[in-house]
């Protein structure tokens, strides 16, 4: 009688070990590369899960029953429905990431959503700036650099990490403002004070057309502050990119909850005036929704995009002459400059970057997509 040979599960297929392998794969993969900020988001959820799931728990044990018990524990911690959903999604992704040398799933699962019984996400807060918010932020800003930042975010819809990476000119691999074309070419982003040639998704690599008034404002700011070709548009005292904490602390004083509120303002504005959804997705860096979207080349029509951006306008007023008050700590520039530009950019200090905290703005789309059910 032949003795059955039972091959034990490799020690490496514990939750902790596979979590590390999954994070490494996210950092190094070539297909749909993930930004450093997104990797940090997933790291934060792995750290949260480890003591609850158990670092030495075999992946073979993580099935529908295990995850349902996990949901019960998370609910008992009074976590929000959204947070619970994200933690469960992370757990599923980790289990699904374990494959053999031929790419076959080692622990195939068919997740039963009804059985897992996750709490439903309701009334999720997604603050959107209003015209009054934008104009108030601009008017009450401490200097021209801050005023321009708010105007640019609300007038273009770029993400804050992309805005801080904008160079005046720059290389083909960098996010840059191109005066003659009135565009921002998005190729890189700022994370923890350093520039990375990765953005949130492949769709985020894009061209954002600027309203002529906003483009002129950038040109005046660059000239007034003598920013050299290749330099960052928003600079710290050392000439490096403006520190995110500095920008965040200033925004809090204006009562706007997060830079993404400006991005939602822009998206809302574009829809209000009837701009094509395809062009909106292109400017905001969102992926196509259907196969038909992939076939259409509407967004490649430069002349049409220029007409659309002129039609959309800004949805808010840029500072008129005499509106902004000069910074009391700075002497005014020569009188021949517009009053909006009569305060030189006050360089930012560079405080130590705080520990990263995950926010929705940094999450990769795969985080919200259902995990493929393997049968």
Protein backbone atom coordinates (compact mmCIF):
# COMPACT_ATOMS: atom_id res chain seq x y z
CA UNK A 1 0.00 0.00 0.00
CA UNK A 2 1.41 3.32 -1.09
CA UNK A 3 1.83 5.83 1.69
CA UNK A 4 0.30 9.26 1.01
CA UNK A 5 2.88 11.98 1.13
CA UNK A 6 1.68 15.23 2.68
CA UNK A 7 3.74 18.27 1.75
CA UNK A 8 3.50 20.89 4.49
CA UNK A 9 2.87 24.50 3.61
CA UNK A 10 6.11 26.45 3.44
CA UNK A 11 6.85 28.56 6.47
CA UNK A 12 7.16 31.57 4.16
CA UNK A 13 3.40 31.39 3.50
CA UNK A 14 2.48 33.03 6.77
CA UNK A 15 0.54 36.25 6.79
CA UNK A 16 3.55 38.35 7.82
CA UNK A 17 5.95 36.83 5.30
CA UNK A 18 3.46 37.05 2.42
CA UNK A 19 2.60 40.63 3.37
CA UNK A 20 6.26 41.56 2.90
CA UNK A 21 6.38 39.67 -0.41
CA UNK A 22 3.22 41.45 -1.59
CA UNK A 23 4.59 44.89 -0.71
CA UNK A 24 7.84 44.07 -2.51
CA UNK A 25 5.90 43.04 -5.61
CA UNK A 26 3.98 46.32 -5.56
CA UNK A 27 7.22 48.28 -5.34
CA UNK A 28 8.95 46.44 -8.18
CA UNK A 29 6.27 45.46 -10.65
CA UNK A 30 6.39 46.84 -14.20
CA UNK A 31 2.74 46.35 -15.08
CA UNK A 32 0.65 49.13 -13.56
CA UNK A 33 3.46 50.53 -11.39
CA UNK A 34 2.49 51.81 -7.96
CA UNK A 35 3.61 55.14 -6.56
CA UNK A 36 5.68 55.32 -3.33
CA UNK A 37 2.75 57.03 -1.58
CA UNK A 38 0.44 54.15 -2.47
CA UNK A 39 2.95 51.61 -1.17
CA UNK A 40 3.03 53.51 2.13
CA UNK A 41 -0.75 53.35 2.33
CA UNK A 42 -0.70 49.58 1.99
CA UNK A 43 2.16 49.33 4.48
CA UNK A 44 0.09 51.23 7.01
CA UNK A 45 -2.78 48.75 6.63
CA UNK A 46 -0.46 45.76 6.88
CA UNK A 47 0.91 47.12 10.15
CA UNK A 48 -2.65 47.52 11.39
CA UNK A 49 -3.60 43.98 10.39
CA UNK A 50 -0.58 42.06 11.70
CA UNK A 51 -1.51 42.00 15.40
CA UNK A 52 -5.16 41.24 14.58
CA UNK A 53 -4.66 38.51 11.97
CA UNK A 54 -1.51 37.18 13.63
CA UNK A 55 1.90 37.36 11.94
CA UNK A 56 2.37 33.55 11.97
CA UNK A 57 -1.11 32.69 10.73
CA UNK A 58 -0.82 30.38 7.69
CA UNK A 59 -2.46 31.74 4.54
CA UNK A 60 -4.21 28.39 4.20
CA UNK A 61 -6.25 29.28 7.28
CA UNK A 62 -7.48 32.60 5.88
CA UNK A 63 -10.79 31.69 4.27
CA UNK A 64 -14.33 33.05 4.38
CA UNK A 65 -14.83 31.99 7.97
CA UNK A 66 -11.55 33.56 9.08
CA UNK A 67 -12.31 36.84 7.33
CA UNK A 68 -15.82 36.95 8.78
CA UNK A 69 -14.28 36.64 12.26
CA UNK A 70 -11.82 39.38 11.28
CA UNK A 71 -14.72 41.64 10.31
CA UNK A 72 -16.31 41.04 13.71
CA UNK A 73 -13.08 42.05 15.46
CA UNK A 74 -12.75 45.20 13.36
CA UNK A 75 -16.35 46.19 14.03
CA UNK A 76 -15.72 45.73 17.76
CA UNK A 77 -12.89 48.26 17.50
CA UNK A 78 -15.46 50.84 16.31
CA UNK A 79 -13.68 51.35 13.01
CA UNK A 80 -15.55 53.02 10.18
CA UNK A 81 -17.17 50.89 7.49
CA UNK A 82 -14.76 52.31 4.95
CA UNK A 83 -11.68 51.43 7.01
CA UNK A 84 -12.98 47.90 7.63
CA UNK A 85 -13.56 47.43 3.91
CA UNK A 86 -10.03 48.57 3.10
CA UNK A 87 -8.45 46.29 5.71
CA UNK A 88 -10.40 43.30 4.43
CA UNK A 89 -9.46 44.15 0.84
CA UNK A 90 -5.81 44.23 1.88
CA UNK A 91 -6.14 40.82 3.51
CA UNK A 92 -7.65 39.35 0.35
CA UNK A 93 -4.92 40.87 -1.82
CA UNK A 94 -2.21 39.33 0.37
CA UNK A 95 -3.76 35.86 0.16
CA UNK A 96 -4.19 36.18 -3.62
CA UNK A 97 -0.57 37.27 -4.07
CA UNK A 98 0.81 33.84 -3.10
CA UNK A 99 1.60 31.97 -6.33
CA UNK A 100 3.91 29.18 -7.37
CA UNK A 101 6.79 29.38 -9.88
CA UNK A 102 4.31 29.07 -12.75
CA UNK A 103 2.04 31.82 -11.48
CA UNK A 104 -0.69 29.51 -10.20
CA UNK A 105 -2.59 30.57 -7.09
CA UNK A 106 -1.46 28.64 -4.03
CA UNK A 107 -4.53 29.51 -1.99
CA UNK A 108 -7.44 30.05 -4.40
CA UNK A 109 -10.49 31.59 -2.79
CA UNK A 110 -14.06 32.35 -3.81
CA UNK A 111 -15.02 35.11 -1.43
CA UNK A 112 -18.66 35.15 -0.32
CA UNK A 113 -19.61 38.80 0.18
CA UNK A 114 -22.99 37.94 1.72
CA UNK A 115 -21.35 35.63 4.26
CA UNK A 116 -18.59 38.13 5.13
CA UNK A 117 -21.27 40.73 5.87
CA UNK A 118 -19.08 43.82 5.76
CA UNK A 119 -20.73 47.02 7.01
CA UNK A 120 -21.86 49.30 4.19
CA UNK A 121 -20.11 52.59 3.56
CA UNK A 122 -22.62 55.41 3.83
CA UNK A 123 -22.39 59.19 3.73
CA UNK A 124 -18.66 59.15 3.03
CA UNK A 125 -17.23 62.62 3.49
CA UNK A 126 -15.70 64.02 0.32
CA UNK A 127 -15.27 67.74 0.96
CA UNK A 128 -15.45 69.89 -2.14
CA UNK A 129 -14.27 73.49 -2.15
CA UNK A 130 -16.69 76.18 -3.27
CA UNK A 131 -15.98 79.30 -5.26
CA UNK A 132 -16.06 81.27 -2.02
CA UNK A 133 -13.57 78.85 -0.44
CA UNK A 134 -11.14 79.20 -3.33
CA UNK A 135 -11.34 82.98 -3.53
CA UNK A 136 -11.05 83.32 0.25
CA UNK A 137 -7.96 81.09 0.31
CA UNK A 138 -6.35 83.16 -2.42
CA UNK A 139 -7.21 86.51 -0.87
CA UNK A 140 -6.08 85.58 2.65
CA UNK A 141 -2.86 83.86 1.63
CA UNK A 142 0.36 85.03 3.25
CA UNK A 143 2.30 85.45 -0.01
CA UNK A 144 2.16 85.08 -3.77
CA UNK A 145 3.48 81.54 -3.73
CA UNK A 146 0.60 80.37 -1.57
CA UNK A 147 -1.93 82.31 -3.66
CA UNK A 148 -0.65 80.75 -6.85
CA UNK A 149 -0.75 77.25 -5.35
CA UNK A 150 -4.46 77.51 -4.50
CA UNK A 151 -5.27 79.05 -7.87
CA UNK A 152 -3.37 76.33 -9.69
CA UNK A 153 -4.96 73.46 -7.75
CA UNK A 154 -8.49 74.78 -8.23
CA UNK A 155 -7.89 75.83 -11.83
CA UNK A 156 -6.22 72.66 -13.06
CA UNK A 157 -7.30 69.80 -10.79
CA UNK A 158 -3.77 68.43 -10.38
CA UNK A 159 -3.00 66.50 -7.20
CA UNK A 160 -0.93 68.24 -4.52
CA UNK A 161 1.96 65.76 -4.97
CA UNK A 162 1.95 66.60 -8.69
CA UNK A 163 1.71 70.36 -8.11
CA UNK A 164 4.72 70.37 -5.79
CA UNK A 165 6.71 68.52 -8.47
CA UNK A 166 6.12 71.13 -11.18
CA UNK A 167 9.30 72.45 -12.75
CA UNK A 168 9.65 75.55 -14.88
CA UNK A 169 10.66 73.74 -18.02
CA UNK A 170 12.40 70.58 -16.93
CA UNK A 171 13.21 67.21 -18.46
CA UNK A 172 11.01 64.72 -20.25
CA UNK A 173 10.77 62.64 -17.06
CA UNK A 174 9.64 65.53 -14.83
CA UNK A 175 6.34 67.25 -14.21
CA UNK A 176 6.75 70.64 -15.84
CA UNK A 177 4.97 73.82 -16.80
CA UNK A 178 5.35 74.79 -20.45
CA UNK A 179 4.58 78.46 -20.99
CA UNK A 180 4.31 78.49 -24.78
CA UNK A 181 1.88 75.57 -24.82
CA UNK A 182 -0.07 76.66 -21.71
CA UNK A 183 0.11 73.17 -20.26
CA UNK A 184 1.35 71.17 -17.32
CA UNK A 185 2.90 67.87 -18.36
CA UNK A 186 2.54 65.43 -15.45
CA UNK A 187 5.28 62.79 -15.23
CA UNK A 188 6.55 62.85 -11.63
CA UNK A 189 5.38 63.54 -8.08
CA UNK A 190 6.77 64.56 -4.70
CA UNK A 191 6.79 62.06 -1.85
CA UNK A 192 8.40 62.77 1.52
CA UNK A 193 10.27 65.70 0.06
CA UNK A 194 11.79 63.76 -2.83
CA UNK A 195 10.82 63.70 -6.48
CA UNK A 196 9.90 60.33 -7.97
CA UNK A 197 9.35 59.55 -11.63
CA UNK A 198 6.17 57.73 -10.67
CA UNK A 199 2.67 59.10 -10.35
CA UNK A 200 -0.46 57.54 -8.88
CA UNK A 201 -1.44 55.49 -11.96
CA UNK A 202 -0.52 55.22 -15.63
CA UNK A 203 -3.51 57.43 -16.41
CA UNK A 204 -1.97 60.13 -14.21
CA UNK A 205 0.79 60.59 -16.81
CA UNK A 206 -0.98 63.26 -18.80
CA UNK A 207 -1.17 66.76 -20.23
CA UNK A 208 -3.28 69.31 -18.35
CA UNK A 209 -4.34 72.34 -20.39
CA UNK A 210 -4.44 75.67 -18.56
CA UNK A 211 -6.82 78.58 -18.81
CA UNK A 212 -4.85 81.45 -20.44
CA UNK A 213 -5.31 83.66 -17.36
CA UNK A 214 -3.86 81.00 -15.09
CA UNK A 215 -0.97 80.43 -17.47
CA UNK A 216 -0.23 84.18 -17.54
CA UNK A 217 -0.33 84.29 -13.75
CA UNK A 218 2.27 81.52 -13.55
CA UNK A 219 4.45 83.38 -16.07
CA UNK A 220 4.27 86.59 -14.04
CA UNK A 221 5.10 84.72 -10.83
CA UNK A 222 8.09 83.00 -12.44
CA UNK A 223 9.39 86.29 -13.83
CA UNK A 224 8.87 88.23 -10.60
CA UNK A 225 10.65 85.59 -8.53
CA UNK A 226 13.36 84.90 -11.12
CA UNK A 227 12.82 81.16 -11.11
CA UNK A 228 15.38 79.62 -13.42
CA UNK A 229 14.59 77.04 -16.09
CA UNK A 230 14.48 73.60 -14.48
CA UNK A 231 13.71 74.98 -11.01
CA UNK A 232 10.66 74.04 -8.99
CA UNK A 233 7.68 76.35 -9.39
CA UNK A 234 6.89 76.05 -5.65
CA UNK A 235 10.20 76.20 -3.82
CA UNK A 236 11.49 75.97 -0.28
CA UNK A 237 14.29 78.16 1.04
CA UNK A 238 16.89 75.71 -0.30
CA UNK A 239 15.40 75.70 -3.79
CA UNK A 240 13.91 72.24 -3.38
CA UNK A 241 10.21 71.48 -3.69
CA UNK A 242 7.93 73.14 -1.15
CA UNK A 243 7.48 70.96 1.93
CA UNK A 244 4.08 69.26 2.02
CA UNK A 245 3.69 69.81 5.76
CA UNK A 246 4.29 73.52 5.28
CA UNK A 247 1.60 73.67 2.60
CA UNK A 248 -0.81 71.56 4.66
CA UNK A 249 -0.39 73.66 7.80
CA UNK A 250 -1.15 76.82 5.81
CA UNK A 251 -4.24 75.31 4.21
CA UNK A 252 -5.66 74.37 7.62
CA UNK A 253 -5.72 78.04 8.57
CA UNK A 254 -8.19 78.69 5.74
CA UNK A 255 -10.66 76.03 6.88
CA UNK A 256 -10.46 73.88 3.74
CA UNK A 257 -10.32 70.17 4.55
CA UNK A 258 -7.57 68.80 2.36
CA UNK A 259 -6.06 69.69 -0.99
CA UNK A 260 -8.33 67.18 -2.72
CA UNK A 261 -11.19 69.63 -2.12
CA UNK A 262 -9.69 71.81 -4.89
CA UNK A 263 -9.53 68.81 -7.22
CA UNK A 264 -13.21 68.06 -6.61
CA UNK A 265 -13.98 71.74 -7.24
CA UNK A 266 -12.34 71.50 -10.66
CA UNK A 267 -14.13 68.27 -11.56
CA UNK A 268 -17.47 69.80 -10.55
CA UNK A 269 -16.78 72.95 -12.55
CA UNK A 270 -15.92 71.01 -15.70
CA UNK A 271 -19.14 69.01 -15.48
CA UNK A 272 -21.23 72.12 -14.77
CA UNK A 273 -20.20 73.66 -18.08
CA UNK A 274 -20.64 70.44 -20.05
CA UNK A 275 -17.06 69.44 -20.82
CA UNK A 276 -16.68 65.99 -22.38
CA UNK A 277 -16.19 63.24 -19.79
CA UNK A 278 -13.31 61.86 -21.84
CA UNK A 279 -11.45 65.16 -21.65
CA UNK A 280 -12.28 65.53 -17.96
CA UNK A 281 -10.76 62.10 -17.29
CA UNK A 282 -7.68 63.09 -19.27
CA UNK A 283 -7.14 66.34 -17.36
CA UNK A 284 -7.76 64.71 -13.96
CA UNK A 285 -5.70 61.60 -14.72
CA UNK A 286 -8.51 59.06 -14.36
CA UNK A 287 -8.52 55.75 -16.22
CA UNK A 288 -10.95 54.87 -19.02
CA UNK A 289 -14.20 53.32 -17.83
CA UNK A 290 -15.18 51.21 -20.85
CA UNK A 291 -13.71 49.58 -23.94
CA UNK A 292 -15.30 52.36 -26.01
CA UNK A 293 -13.35 54.92 -24.00
CA UNK A 294 -10.12 53.19 -25.02
CA UNK A 295 -11.07 53.37 -28.68
CA UNK A 296 -11.86 57.07 -28.65
CA UNK A 297 -9.04 59.52 -29.36
CA UNK A 298 -10.98 62.68 -28.61
CA UNK A 299 -8.53 63.80 -25.93
CA UNK A 300 -5.68 63.73 -28.45
CA UNK A 301 -7.28 66.65 -30.33
CA UNK A 302 -5.16 69.52 -28.99
CA UNK A 303 -7.20 72.26 -30.63
CA UNK A 304 -10.42 70.86 -29.18
CA UNK A 305 -8.87 70.69 -25.71
CA UNK A 306 -7.83 74.33 -25.99
CA UNK A 307 -11.40 75.28 -26.92
CA UNK A 308 -12.74 73.26 -24.00
CA UNK A 309 -10.40 74.76 -21.40
CA UNK A 310 -11.30 78.28 -22.58
CA UNK A 311 -14.99 77.40 -22.40
CA UNK A 312 -14.65 75.94 -18.91
CA UNK A 313 -12.86 78.98 -17.50
CA UNK A 314 -11.78 78.88 -13.89
CA UNK A 315 -15.03 79.14 -11.96
CA UNK A 316 -13.47 81.66 -9.59
CA UNK A 317 -11.82 85.05 -9.79
CA UNK A 318 -8.10 85.50 -9.67
CA UNK A 319 -6.98 88.42 -7.48
CA UNK A 320 -7.71 91.81 -8.96
CA UNK A 321 -5.30 94.66 -8.62
CA UNK A 322 -5.26 95.75 -4.98
CA UNK A 323 -7.07 92.68 -3.63
CA UNK A 324 -4.25 90.79 -1.94
CA UNK A 325 -2.51 92.52 0.92
CA UNK A 326 1.30 92.53 0.82
CA UNK A 327 3.05 90.40 3.41
CA UNK A 328 4.00 92.60 6.40
CA UNK A 329 7.36 90.83 6.60
CA UNK A 330 8.37 91.64 3.04
CA UNK A 331 9.03 94.85 1.17
CA UNK A 332 6.97 95.36 -1.99
CA UNK A 333 8.48 94.69 -5.38
CA UNK A 334 9.01 97.52 -7.90
CA UNK A 335 5.86 99.49 -8.59
CA UNK A 336 5.72 98.49 -12.23
CA UNK A 337 4.69 94.94 -11.28
CA UNK A 338 1.02 94.01 -10.85
CA UNK A 339 -0.09 94.36 -7.25
CA UNK A 340 -0.78 90.62 -7.13
CA UNK A 341 2.95 90.14 -7.51
CA UNK A 342 4.22 92.86 -5.21
CA UNK A 343 5.22 90.43 -2.49
CA UNK A 344 8.13 88.19 -3.24
CA UNK A 345 7.87 84.52 -2.51
CA UNK A 346 8.58 83.96 1.14
CA UNK A 347 10.80 80.87 1.28
CA UNK A 348 9.50 77.97 3.26
CA UNK A 349 11.27 76.36 6.15
CA UNK A 350 11.86 72.65 5.85
CA UNK A 351 10.58 70.90 8.97
CA UNK A 352 11.19 67.22 9.49
CA UNK A 353 8.71 65.23 7.43
CA UNK A 354 6.11 63.62 9.74
CA UNK A 355 5.16 59.96 9.68
CA UNK A 356 3.08 59.20 6.61
CA UNK A 357 -0.62 58.88 7.24
CA UNK A 358 -2.76 57.12 4.69
CA UNK A 359 -5.46 59.11 2.93
CA UNK A 360 -7.86 58.27 0.10
CA UNK A 361 -5.98 60.66 -2.16
CA UNK A 362 -3.00 58.32 -2.23
CA UNK A 363 -4.77 55.02 -2.73
CA UNK A 364 -4.18 53.03 -5.88
CA UNK A 365 -7.35 52.00 -7.78
CA UNK A 366 -6.53 48.32 -7.16
CA UNK A 367 -7.29 48.97 -3.50
CA UNK A 368 -10.93 49.60 -4.30
CA UNK A 369 -11.28 47.01 -7.09
CA UNK A 370 -12.72 43.64 -6.12
CA UNK A 371 -10.12 40.95 -5.64
CA UNK A 372 -10.29 38.43 -8.46
CA UNK A 373 -12.21 35.42 -7.30
CA UNK A 374 -10.15 32.34 -7.91
CA UNK A 375 -12.09 29.12 -8.17
